[in-house]
PDB file of N, CA and C in Angstrom:
ATOM      1  N   UNK A   1     -33.044 -80.563  23.336  1.00  0.00           N
ATOM      2  CA  UNK A   1     -33.461 -82.175  22.708  1.00  0.00           C
ATOM      3  C   UNK A   1     -35.122 -81.299  22.852  1.00  0.00           C
ATOM      4  N   UNK A   2     -36.034 -81.429  21.823  1.00  0.00           N
ATOM      5  CA  UNK A   2     -37.231 -81.595  22.680  1.00  0.00           C
ATOM      6  C   UNK A   2     -37.947 -82.950  21.741  1.00  0.00           C
ATOM      7  N   UNK A   3     -39.223 -83.318  23.242  1.00  0.00           N
ATOM      8  CA  UNK A   3     -40.090 -84.699  22.384  1.00  0.00           C
ATOM      9  C   UNK A   3     -39.662 -84.881  23.732  1.00  0.00           C
ATOM     10  N   UNK A   4     -39.986 -86.369  23.246  1.00  0.00           N
ATOM     11  CA  UNK A   4     -40.733 -87.512  24.572  1.00  0.00           C
ATOM     12  C   UNK A   4     -39.520 -88.044  24.055  1.00  0.00           C
ATOM     13  N   UNK A   5     -39.770 -89.297  25.032  1.00  0.00           N
ATOM     14  CA  UNK A   5     -38.236 -90.202  25.655  1.00  0.00           C
ATOM     15  C   UNK A   5     -39.362 -91.293  25.741  1.00  0.00           C
ATOM     16  N   UNK A   6     -39.584 -92.386  25.094  1.00  0.00           N
ATOM     17  CA  UNK A   6     -40.361 -93.426  25.018  1.00  0.00           C
ATOM     18  C   UNK A   6     -39.794 -94.846  25.488  1.00  0.00           C
ATOM     19  N   UNK A   7     -40.521 -95.611  26.264  1.00  0.00           N
ATOM     20  CA  UNK A   7     -39.408 -96.768  26.729  1.00  0.00           C
ATOM     21  C   UNK A   7     -39.994 -98.175  26.298  1.00  0.00           C
ATOM     22  N   UNK A   8     -39.846 -99.142  25.961  1.00  0.00           N
ATOM     23  CA  UNK A   8     -40.670 -99.854  24.775  1.00  0.00           C
ATOM     24  C   UNK A   8     -39.628-101.094  24.791  1.00  0.00           C
ATOM     25  N   UNK A   9     -40.427-102.175  25.272  1.00  0.00           N
ATOM     26  CA  UNK A   9     -39.140-103.972  24.967  1.00  0.00           C
ATOM     27  C   UNK A   9     -37.805-103.463  25.899  1.00  0.00           C
ATOM     28  N   UNK A  10     -38.159-102.775  27.188  1.00  0.00           N
ATOM     29  CA  UNK A  10     -36.245-102.151  27.113  1.00  0.00           C
ATOM     30  C   UNK A  10     -35.547-100.981  26.241  1.00  0.00           C
ATOM     31  N   UNK A  11     -36.256-100.857  25.012  1.00  0.00           N
ATOM     32  CA  UNK A  11     -36.182 -99.413  24.507  1.00  0.00           C
ATOM     33  C   UNK A  11     -36.105 -98.407  24.885  1.00  0.00           C
ATOM     34  N   UNK A  12     -35.042 -97.365  24.762  1.00  0.00           N
ATOM     35  CA  UNK A  12     -35.745 -95.510  24.369  1.00  0.00           C
ATOM     36  C   UNK A  12     -35.451 -94.676  23.337  1.00  0.00           C
ATOM     37  N   UNK A  13     -36.670 -94.733  22.798  1.00  0.00           N
ATOM     38  CA  UNK A  13     -36.486 -94.195  21.609  1.00  0.00           C
ATOM     39  C   UNK A  13     -36.902 -92.929  22.772  1.00  0.00           C
ATOM     40  N   UNK A  14     -36.575 -91.699  21.315  1.00  0.00           N
ATOM     41  CA  UNK A  14     -36.503 -90.160  21.322  1.00  0.00           C
ATOM     42  C   UNK A  14     -38.126 -90.303  20.424  1.00  0.00           C
ATOM     43  N   UNK A  15     -39.531 -90.268  21.023  1.00  0.00           N
ATOM     44  CA  UNK A  15     -39.483 -88.904  19.435  1.00  0.00           C
ATOM     45  C   UNK A  15     -40.559 -87.762  19.542  1.00  0.00           C
ATOM     46  N   UNK A  16     -40.367 -87.374  18.357  1.00  0.00           N
ATOM     47  CA  UNK A  16     -40.682 -86.093  18.241  1.00  0.00           C
ATOM     48  C   UNK A  16     -41.820 -85.817  17.599  1.00  0.00           C
ATOM     49  N   UNK A  17     -42.234 -84.278  18.409  1.00  0.00           N
ATOM     50  CA  UNK A  17     -43.177 -83.973  18.434  1.00  0.00           C
ATOM     51  C   UNK A  17     -43.610 -83.464  16.517  1.00  0.00           C
ATOM     52  N   UNK A  18     -44.933 -83.349  16.152  1.00  0.00           N
ATOM     53  CA  UNK A  18     -45.059 -83.926  15.200  1.00  0.00           C
ATOM     54  C   UNK A  18     -45.169 -82.558  14.881  1.00  0.00           C
ATOM     55  N   UNK A  19     -45.187 -81.558  13.641  1.00  0.00           N
ATOM     56  CA  UNK A  19     -45.536 -80.601  13.343  1.00  0.00           C
ATOM     57  C   UNK A  19     -46.549 -80.197  12.648  1.00  0.00           C
ATOM     58  N   UNK A  20     -47.893 -78.982  13.316  1.00  0.00           N
ATOM     59  CA  UNK A  20     -49.366 -79.659  12.365  1.00  0.00           C
ATOM     60  C   UNK A  20     -49.329 -79.418  10.949  1.00  0.00           C
ATOM     61  N   UNK A  21     -50.117 -80.219  10.450  1.00  0.00           N
ATOM     62  CA  UNK A  21     -50.112 -79.592   8.399  1.00  0.00           C
ATOM     63  C   UNK A  21     -50.509 -78.034   8.786  1.00  0.00           C
ATOM     64  N   UNK A  22     -50.166 -77.627   7.865  1.00  0.00           N
ATOM     65  CA  UNK A  22     -49.916 -75.725   7.521  1.00  0.00           C
ATOM     66  C   UNK A  22     -48.936 -74.102   7.517  1.00  0.00           C
ATOM     67  N   UNK A  23     -48.386 -75.818   8.973  1.00  0.00           N
ATOM     68  CA  UNK A  23     -47.255 -74.654   9.816  1.00  0.00           C
ATOM     69  C   UNK A  23     -46.283 -74.997   9.202  1.00  0.00           C
ATOM     70  N   UNK A  24     -45.507 -73.605   9.075  1.00  0.00           N
ATOM     71  CA  UNK A  24     -44.195 -73.125   8.315  1.00  0.00           C
ATOM     72  C   UNK A  24     -42.805 -72.584   9.179  1.00  0.00           C
ATOM     73  N   UNK A  25     -42.221 -72.615   9.096  1.00  0.00           N
ATOM     74  CA  UNK A  25     -40.812 -72.013   9.755  1.00  0.00           C
ATOM     75  C   UNK A  25     -40.912 -70.642   9.468  1.00  0.00           C
ATOM     76  N   UNK A  26     -40.286 -70.011   9.647  1.00  0.00           N
ATOM     77  CA  UNK A  26     -40.007 -68.540   8.979  1.00  0.00           C
ATOM     78  C   UNK A  26     -38.464 -68.020   9.872  1.00  0.00           C
ATOM     79  N   UNK A  27     -38.411 -66.808   8.972  1.00  0.00           N
ATOM     80  CA  UNK A  27     -36.818 -66.916   9.659  1.00  0.00           C
ATOM     81  C   UNK A  27     -37.172 -65.279   9.884  1.00  0.00           C
ATOM     82  N   UNK A  28     -37.222 -64.975  11.295  1.00  0.00           N
ATOM     83  CA  UNK A  28     -37.284 -63.777  11.769  1.00  0.00           C
ATOM     84  C   UNK A  28     -36.207 -62.733  11.866  1.00  0.00           C
ATOM     85  N   UNK A  29     -35.084 -61.261  11.807  1.00  0.00           N
ATOM     86  CA  UNK A  29     -34.454 -60.962  11.738  1.00  0.00           C
ATOM     87  C   UNK A  29     -35.101 -59.543  12.991  1.00  0.00           C
ATOM     88  N   UNK A  30     -34.161 -60.313  14.420  1.00  0.00           N
ATOM     89  CA  UNK A  30     -34.732 -60.057  15.442  1.00  0.00           C
ATOM     90  C   UNK A  30     -34.879 -58.343  15.867  1.00  0.00           C
ATOM     91  N   UNK A  31     -33.762 -57.885  15.328  1.00  0.00           N
ATOM     92  CA  UNK A  31     -33.701 -56.557  15.386  1.00  0.00           C
ATOM     93  C   UNK A  31     -34.914 -55.229  15.384  1.00  0.00           C
ATOM     94  N   UNK A  32     -35.977 -56.311  14.776  1.00  0.00           N
ATOM     95  CA  UNK A  32     -37.205 -55.445  14.272  1.00  0.00           C
ATOM     96  C   UNK A  32     -37.997 -56.846  14.439  1.00  0.00           C
ATOM     97  N   UNK A  33     -38.091 -57.850  14.830  1.00  0.00           N
ATOM     98  CA  UNK A  33     -38.973 -58.430  14.459  1.00  0.00           C
ATOM     99  C   UNK A  33     -39.851 -58.820  12.897  1.00  0.00           C
ATOM    100  N   UNK A  34     -38.689 -58.820  12.061  1.00  0.00           N
ATOM    101  CA  UNK A  34     -38.985 -58.926  10.913  1.00  0.00           C
ATOM    102  C   UNK A  34     -39.866 -60.016  10.921  1.00  0.00           C
ATOM    103  N   UNK A  35     -41.032 -60.635   9.701  1.00  0.00           N
ATOM    104  CA  UNK A  35     -40.139 -62.453   9.043  1.00  0.00           C
ATOM    105  C   UNK A  35     -39.809 -61.547   7.821  1.00  0.00           C
ATOM    106  N   UNK A  36     -38.816 -62.483   7.215  1.00  0.00           N
ATOM    107  CA  UNK A  36     -37.467 -62.475   5.708  1.00  0.00           C
ATOM    108  C   UNK A  36     -38.485 -63.008   5.212  1.00  0.00           C
ATOM    109  N   UNK A  37     -38.883 -62.536   3.946  1.00  0.00           N
ATOM    110  CA  UNK A  37     -40.039 -63.399   2.793  1.00  0.00           C
ATOM    111  C   UNK A  37     -39.995 -63.346   1.369  1.00  0.00           C
ATOM    112  N   UNK A  38     -38.464 -62.285   0.999  1.00  0.00           N
ATOM    113  CA  UNK A  38     -37.443 -62.345  -0.230  1.00  0.00           C
ATOM    114  C   UNK A  38     -36.311 -62.406  -0.189  1.00  0.00           C
ATOM    115  N   UNK A  39     -35.750 -62.931  -1.406  1.00  0.00           N
ATOM    116  CA  UNK A  39     -34.611 -63.040  -1.252  1.00  0.00           C
ATOM    117  C   UNK A  39     -33.913 -61.011  -1.087  1.00  0.00           C
ATOM    118  N   UNK A  40     -34.856 -59.733  -1.737  1.00  0.00           N
ATOM    119  CA  UNK A  40     -33.710 -59.166  -1.872  1.00  0.00           C
ATOM    120  C   UNK A  40     -34.402 -58.157  -0.317  1.00  0.00           C
ATOM    121  N   UNK A  41     -34.695 -58.805   0.657  1.00  0.00           N
ATOM    122  CA  UNK A  41     -34.814 -58.345   1.664  1.00  0.00           C
ATOM    123  C   UNK A  41     -33.558 -59.021   2.591  1.00  0.00           C
ATOM    124  N   UNK A  42     -33.680 -60.410   2.740  1.00  0.00           N
ATOM    125  CA  UNK A  42     -32.223 -60.839   3.176  1.00  0.00           C
ATOM    126  C   UNK A  42     -30.982 -60.956   2.990  1.00  0.00           C
ATOM    127  N   UNK A  43     -31.069 -60.468   1.834  1.00  0.00           N
ATOM    128  CA  UNK A  43     -29.649 -59.932   1.497  1.00  0.00           C
ATOM    129  C   UNK A  43     -29.536 -58.409   1.879  1.00  0.00           C
ATOM    130  N   UNK A  44     -30.504 -57.320   1.921  1.00  0.00           N
ATOM    131  CA  UNK A  44     -30.815 -55.901   3.087  1.00  0.00           C
ATOM    132  C   UNK A  44     -30.119 -56.338   4.400  1.00  0.00           C
ATOM    133  N   UNK A  45     -29.990 -56.940   4.827  1.00  0.00           N
ATOM    134  CA  UNK A  45     -30.403 -57.636   6.513  1.00  0.00           C
ATOM    135  C   UNK A  45     -28.603 -57.984   6.169  1.00  0.00           C
ATOM    136  N   UNK A  46     -28.116 -58.993   5.671  1.00  0.00           N
ATOM    137  CA  UNK A  46     -26.932 -59.331   5.403  1.00  0.00           C
ATOM    138  C   UNK A  46     -26.242 -58.700   5.687  1.00  0.00           C
ATOM    139  N   UNK A  47     -25.962 -57.696   4.432  1.00  0.00           N
ATOM    140  CA  UNK A  47     -25.248 -56.385   3.302  1.00  0.00           C
ATOM    141  C   UNK A  47     -24.858 -55.334   5.070  1.00  0.00           C
ATOM    142  N   UNK A  48     -25.855 -55.309   5.585  1.00  0.00           N
ATOM    143  CA  UNK A  48     -26.245 -54.650   7.193  1.00  0.00           C
ATOM    144  C   UNK A  48     -25.080 -55.018   7.593  1.00  0.00           C
ATOM    145  N   UNK A  49     -25.164 -56.053   8.391  1.00  0.00           N
ATOM    146  CA  UNK A  49     -24.536 -57.025   9.058  1.00  0.00           C
ATOM    147  C   UNK A  49     -22.622 -57.289   8.333  1.00  0.00           C
ATOM    148  N   UNK A  50     -23.162 -56.879   7.120  1.00  0.00           N
ATOM    149  CA  UNK A  50     -20.834 -56.635   6.637  1.00  0.00           C
ATOM    150  C   UNK A  50     -20.417 -57.954   5.751  1.00  0.00           C
ATOM    151  N   UNK A  51     -22.184 -59.189   5.370  1.00  0.00           N
ATOM    152  CA  UNK A  51     -21.818 -59.930   4.823  1.00  0.00           C
ATOM    153  C   UNK A  51     -22.306 -59.443   3.678  1.00  0.00           C
ATOM    154  N   UNK A  52     -21.556 -59.878   2.303  1.00  0.00           N
ATOM    155  CA  UNK A  52     -21.464 -59.563   0.891  1.00  0.00           C
ATOM    156  C   UNK A  52     -21.691 -61.128   0.060  1.00  0.00           C
ATOM    157  N   UNK A  53     -22.296 -60.486  -0.995  1.00  0.00           N
ATOM    158  CA  UNK A  53     -22.367 -61.936  -2.186  1.00  0.00           C
ATOM    159  C   UNK A  53     -20.440 -61.977  -2.482  1.00  0.00           C
ATOM    160  N   UNK A  54     -21.071 -63.430  -2.473  1.00  0.00           N
ATOM    161  CA  UNK A  54     -19.714 -64.010  -2.819  1.00  0.00           C
ATOM    162  C   UNK A  54     -20.273 -64.668  -4.511  1.00  0.00           C
ATOM    163  N   UNK A  55     -18.606 -64.457  -5.094  1.00  0.00           N
ATOM    164  CA  UNK A  55     -18.734 -64.852  -6.789  1.00  0.00           C
ATOM    165  C   UNK A  55     -18.698 -65.976  -6.744  1.00  0.00           C
ATOM    166  N   UNK A  56     -19.837 -66.839  -7.238  1.00  0.00           N
ATOM    167  CA  UNK A  56     -20.206 -68.082  -7.241  1.00  0.00           C
ATOM    168  C   UNK A  56     -21.185 -68.124  -8.645  1.00  0.00           C
ATOM    169  N   UNK A  57     -21.188 -69.839  -9.424  1.00  0.00           N
ATOM    170  CA  UNK A  57     -21.045 -69.446 -11.157  1.00  0.00           C
ATOM    171  C   UNK A  57     -22.225 -70.503 -11.350  1.00  0.00           C
ATOM    172  N   UNK A  58     -23.341 -70.955  -9.783  1.00  0.00           N
ATOM    173  CA  UNK A  58     -24.144 -71.477  -9.919  1.00  0.00           C
ATOM    174  C   UNK A  58     -25.224 -70.728 -10.194  1.00  0.00           C
ATOM    175  N   UNK A  59     -26.217 -71.649 -10.596  1.00  0.00           N
ATOM    176  CA  UNK A  59     -27.536 -70.744 -11.229  1.00  0.00           C
ATOM    177  C   UNK A  59     -28.701 -71.650 -10.135  1.00  0.00           C
ATOM    178  N   UNK A  60     -27.939 -71.924  -8.921  1.00  0.00           N
ATOM    179  CA  UNK A  60     -28.870 -72.686  -8.230  1.00  0.00           C
ATOM    180  C   UNK A  60     -29.261 -71.874  -6.678  1.00  0.00           C
ATOM    181  N   UNK A  61     -27.633 -71.454  -6.935  1.00  0.00           N
ATOM    182  CA  UNK A  61     -28.166 -70.735  -5.346  1.00  0.00           C
ATOM    183  C   UNK A  61     -26.681 -69.697  -5.716  1.00  0.00           C
ATOM    184  N   UNK A  62     -26.305 -69.370  -3.841  1.00  0.00           N
ATOM    185  CA  UNK A  62     -25.964 -67.439  -4.112  1.00  0.00           C
ATOM    186  C   UNK A  62     -26.214 -68.023  -2.625  1.00  0.00           C
ATOM    187  N   UNK A  63     -24.610 -67.476  -2.148  1.00  0.00           N
ATOM    188  CA  UNK A  63     -23.655 -67.307  -1.141  1.00  0.00           C
ATOM    189  C   UNK A  63     -23.415 -66.025  -0.844  1.00  0.00           C
ATOM    190  N   UNK A  64     -22.911 -65.770   0.526  1.00  0.00           N
ATOM    191  CA  UNK A  64     -22.384 -64.379   1.001  1.00  0.00           C
ATOM    192  C   UNK A  64     -21.931 -64.978   1.743  1.00  0.00           C
ATOM    193  N   UNK A  65     -20.291 -64.334   2.384  1.00  0.00           N
ATOM    194  CA  UNK A  65     -19.733 -63.909   3.179  1.00  0.00           C
ATOM    195  C   UNK A  65     -19.255 -62.816   3.288  1.00  0.00           C
ATOM    196  N   UNK A  66     -18.516 -62.954   4.559  1.00  0.00           N
ATOM    197  CA  UNK A  66     -18.375 -61.681   5.607  1.00  0.00           C
ATOM    198  C   UNK A  66     -17.110 -61.254   4.909  1.00  0.00           C
ATOM    199  N   UNK A  67     -16.957 -59.247   5.095  1.00  0.00           N
ATOM    200  CA  UNK A  67     -16.270 -58.696   4.024  1.00  0.00           C
ATOM    201  C   UNK A  67     -14.804 -58.631   5.014  1.00  0.00           C
ATOM    202  N   UNK A  68     -14.921 -58.763   6.391  1.00  0.00           N
ATOM    203  CA  UNK A  68     -14.349 -59.123   7.109  1.00  0.00           C
ATOM    204  C   UNK A  68     -13.591 -59.986   7.051  1.00  0.00           C
ATOM    205  N   UNK A  69     -12.171 -60.760   8.073  1.00  0.00           N
ATOM    206  CA  UNK A  69     -11.613 -61.770   7.601  1.00  0.00           C
ATOM    207  C   UNK A  69     -12.129 -62.582   8.370  1.00  0.00           C
ATOM    208  N   UNK A  70     -12.823 -63.885   7.672  1.00  0.00           N
ATOM    209  CA  UNK A  70     -13.848 -64.702   7.785  1.00  0.00           C
ATOM    210  C   UNK A  70     -13.671 -65.747   7.026  1.00  0.00           C
ATOM    211  N   UNK A  71     -13.673 -66.963   7.084  1.00  0.00           N
ATOM    212  CA  UNK A  71     -13.969 -68.253   6.305  1.00  0.00           C
ATOM    213  C   UNK A  71     -15.615 -68.764   6.223  1.00  0.00           C
ATOM    214  N   UNK A  72     -16.836 -67.240   7.223  1.00  0.00           N
ATOM    215  CA  UNK A  72     -17.756 -68.083   7.558  1.00  0.00           C
ATOM    216  C   UNK A  72     -17.973 -68.440   5.067  1.00  0.00           C
ATOM    217  N   UNK A  73     -19.312 -68.918   4.791  1.00  0.00           N
ATOM    218  CA  UNK A  73     -20.282 -68.732   4.231  1.00  0.00           C
ATOM    219  C   UNK A  73     -21.265 -69.233   4.178  1.00  0.00           C
ATOM    220  N   UNK A  74     -22.619 -68.395   4.001  1.00  0.00           N
ATOM    221  CA  UNK A  74     -23.738 -68.334   3.861  1.00  0.00           C
ATOM    222  C   UNK A  74     -24.163 -69.010   2.201  1.00  0.00           C
ATOM    223  N   UNK A  75     -25.127 -70.165   2.706  1.00  0.00           N
ATOM    224  CA  UNK A  75     -25.344 -70.721   0.962  1.00  0.00           C
ATOM    225  C   UNK A  75     -27.494 -70.752   0.340  1.00  0.00           C
ATOM    226  N   UNK A  76     -27.697 -70.131   0.169  1.00  0.00           N
ATOM    227  CA  UNK A  76     -28.840 -70.666  -0.340  1.00  0.00           C
ATOM    228  C   UNK A  76     -29.617 -70.314  -1.265  1.00  0.00           C
ATOM    229  N   UNK A  77     -30.678 -70.793  -1.395  1.00  0.00           N
ATOM    230  CA  UNK A  77     -31.386 -71.534  -3.059  1.00  0.00           C
ATOM    231  C   UNK A  77     -31.441 -69.553  -3.161  1.00  0.00           C
ATOM    232  N   UNK A  78     -31.390 -69.208  -4.769  1.00  0.00           N
ATOM    233  CA  UNK A  78     -32.120 -68.292  -5.712  1.00  0.00           C
ATOM    234  C   UNK A  78     -33.412 -68.241  -5.635  1.00  0.00           C
ATOM    235  N   UNK A  79     -34.016 -69.023  -5.576  1.00  0.00           N
ATOM    236  CA  UNK A  79     -35.120 -69.109  -6.046  1.00  0.00           C
ATOM    237  C   UNK A  79     -35.646 -69.391  -3.520  1.00  0.00           C
ATOM    238  N   UNK A  80     -36.370 -68.003  -3.491  1.00  0.00           N
ATOM    239  CA  UNK A  80     -36.763 -68.098  -2.253  1.00  0.00           C
ATOM    240  C   UNK A  80     -37.881 -68.676  -1.777  1.00  0.00           C
ATOM    241  N   UNK A  81     -38.499 -69.393  -2.308  1.00  0.00           N
ATOM    242  CA  UNK A  81     -39.434 -70.304  -1.911  1.00  0.00           C
ATOM    243  C   UNK A  81     -38.807 -71.769  -1.438  1.00  0.00           C
ATOM    244  N   UNK A  82     -37.709 -71.545  -1.652  1.00  0.00           N
ATOM    245  CA  UNK A  82     -36.943 -72.776  -2.094  1.00  0.00           C
ATOM    246  C   UNK A  82     -36.145 -72.927  -0.779  1.00  0.00           C
ATOM    247  N   UNK A  83     -36.074 -72.455   0.071  1.00  0.00           N
ATOM    248  CA  UNK A  83     -34.966 -72.016   1.019  1.00  0.00           C
ATOM    249  C   UNK A  83     -35.725 -72.976   2.870  1.00  0.00           C
ATOM    250  N   UNK A  84     -35.580 -73.603   2.956  1.00  0.00           N
ATOM    251  CA  UNK A  84     -35.369 -75.153   4.245  1.00  0.00           C
ATOM    252  C   UNK A  84     -35.029 -74.479   5.330  1.00  0.00           C
ATOM    253  N   UNK A  85     -35.379 -75.570   6.402  1.00  0.00           N
ATOM    254  CA  UNK A  85     -35.608 -74.615   7.775  1.00  0.00           C
ATOM    255  C   UNK A  85     -33.907 -75.275   7.862  1.00  0.00           C
ATOM    256  N   UNK A  86     -33.011 -75.677   7.449  1.00  0.00           N
ATOM    257  CA  UNK A  86     -31.563 -76.079   7.446  1.00  0.00           C
ATOM    258  C   UNK A  86     -30.843 -75.022   6.698  1.00  0.00           C
ATOM    259  N   UNK A  87     -31.823 -73.628   5.992  1.00  0.00           N
ATOM    260  CA  UNK A  87     -31.042 -72.778   5.573  1.00  0.00           C
ATOM    261  C   UNK A  87     -30.561 -71.825   6.136  1.00  0.00           C
ATOM    262  N   UNK A  88     -32.059 -71.851   6.994  1.00  0.00           N
ATOM    263  CA  UNK A  88     -32.579 -71.089   8.244  1.00  0.00           C
ATOM    264  C   UNK A  88     -31.592 -70.665   9.147  1.00  0.00           C
ATOM    265  N   UNK A  89     -31.437 -72.270   9.677  1.00  0.00           N
ATOM    266  CA  UNK A  89     -30.733 -72.321  11.058  1.00  0.00           C
ATOM    267  C   UNK A  89     -28.852 -71.735  10.578  1.00  0.00           C
ATOM    268  N   UNK A  90     -29.034 -72.290   9.466  1.00  0.00           N
ATOM    269  CA  UNK A  90     -27.828 -72.588   8.982  1.00  0.00           C
ATOM    270  C   UNK A  90     -26.743 -70.151   9.386  1.00  0.00           C
ATOM    271  N   UNK A  91     -28.019 -69.644   8.769  1.00  0.00           N
ATOM    272  CA  UNK A  91     -27.986 -67.998   9.486  1.00  0.00           C
ATOM    273  C   UNK A  91     -28.435 -67.489   9.870  1.00  0.00           C
ATOM    274  N   UNK A  92     -29.026 -68.412  11.390  1.00  0.00           N
ATOM    275  CA  UNK A  92     -29.275 -68.470  12.952  1.00  0.00           C
ATOM    276  C   UNK A  92     -27.634 -69.029  12.925  1.00  0.00           C
ATOM    277  N   UNK A  93     -26.831 -69.966  13.491  1.00  0.00           N
ATOM    278  CA  UNK A  93     -26.039 -69.833  13.873  1.00  0.00           C
ATOM    279  C   UNK A  93     -25.325 -68.936  13.132  1.00  0.00           C
ATOM    280  N   UNK A  94     -24.977 -68.730  12.259  1.00  0.00           N
ATOM    281  CA  UNK A  94     -23.907 -67.471  11.537  1.00  0.00           C
ATOM    282  C   UNK A  94     -23.958 -66.555  11.649  1.00  0.00           C
ATOM    283  N   UNK A  95     -24.887 -65.876  12.012  1.00  0.00           N
ATOM    284  CA  UNK A  95     -25.528 -64.205  12.691  1.00  0.00           C
ATOM    285  C   UNK A  95     -25.581 -64.718  13.653  1.00  0.00           C
ATOM    286  N   UNK A  96     -25.464 -64.875  14.969  1.00  0.00           N
ATOM    287  CA  UNK A  96     -26.264 -64.936  16.182  1.00  0.00           C
ATOM    288  C   UNK A  96     -27.054 -63.736  17.425  1.00  0.00           C
ATOM    289  N   UNK A  97     -27.430 -64.049  17.221  1.00  0.00           N
ATOM    290  CA  UNK A  97     -28.549 -63.501  18.287  1.00  0.00           C
ATOM    291  C   UNK A  97     -29.182 -62.605  16.994  1.00  0.00           C
ATOM    292  N   UNK A  98     -29.457 -62.264  15.637  1.00  0.00           N
ATOM    293  CA  UNK A  98     -30.182 -61.424  14.125  1.00  0.00           C
ATOM    294  C   UNK A  98     -31.139 -62.575  13.664  1.00  0.00           C
ATOM    295  N   UNK A  99     -30.853 -62.859  13.715  1.00  0.00           N
ATOM    296  CA  UNK A  99     -31.475 -63.884  13.088  1.00  0.00           C
ATOM    297  C   UNK A  99     -32.195 -65.219  14.211  1.00  0.00           C
ATOM    298  N   UNK A 100     -33.161 -64.812  13.755  1.00  0.00           N
ATOM    299  CA  UNK A 100     -34.202 -66.273  14.891  1.00  0.00           C
ATOM    300  C   UNK A 100     -34.864 -67.319  14.033  1.00  0.00           C
ATOM    301  N   UNK A 101     -34.908 -68.353  13.845  1.00  0.00           N
ATOM    302  CA  UNK A 101     -36.603 -69.266  13.166  1.00  0.00           C
ATOM    303  C   UNK A 101     -37.095 -69.530  14.170  1.00  0.00           C
ATOM    304  N   UNK A 102     -38.558 -70.055  14.055  1.00  0.00           N
ATOM    305  CA  UNK A 102     -39.220 -69.575  14.288  1.00  0.00           C
ATOM    306  C   UNK A 102     -40.276 -70.481  13.349  1.00  0.00           C
ATOM    307  N   UNK A 103     -41.964 -70.796  14.293  1.00  0.00           N
ATOM    308  CA  UNK A 103     -42.747 -71.482  13.037  1.00  0.00           C
ATOM    309  C   UNK A 103     -43.349 -71.031  12.943  1.00  0.00           C
ATOM    310  N   UNK A 104     -43.987 -70.848  12.077  1.00  0.00           N
ATOM    311  CA  UNK A 104     -45.244 -69.367  12.145  1.00  0.00           C
ATOM    312  C   UNK A 104     -46.354 -69.740  12.625  1.00  0.00           C
TER     313      UNK A 104
END
């Protein structure tokens, strides 16, 4: 847990560090340290790991599942510009040690 604990009037609370303006979060493919910049690039890297596109009739999202017998799904917006840190962390957790989330 990053941050600083502040005690005031007998109450403790965790103050999170503020991001600097203009800083953004990026998804990094750790074997080559490439920053993922497009939906095509993400899909290519996931395919290498055995993730395939899951048939979904949603115009806003794409889902991937592992071709092996797994119940894990990764959901990301079709428009790569709409990918947020929660989507990146979802990818990083489900592909442990392959994708990393970093501040740019």
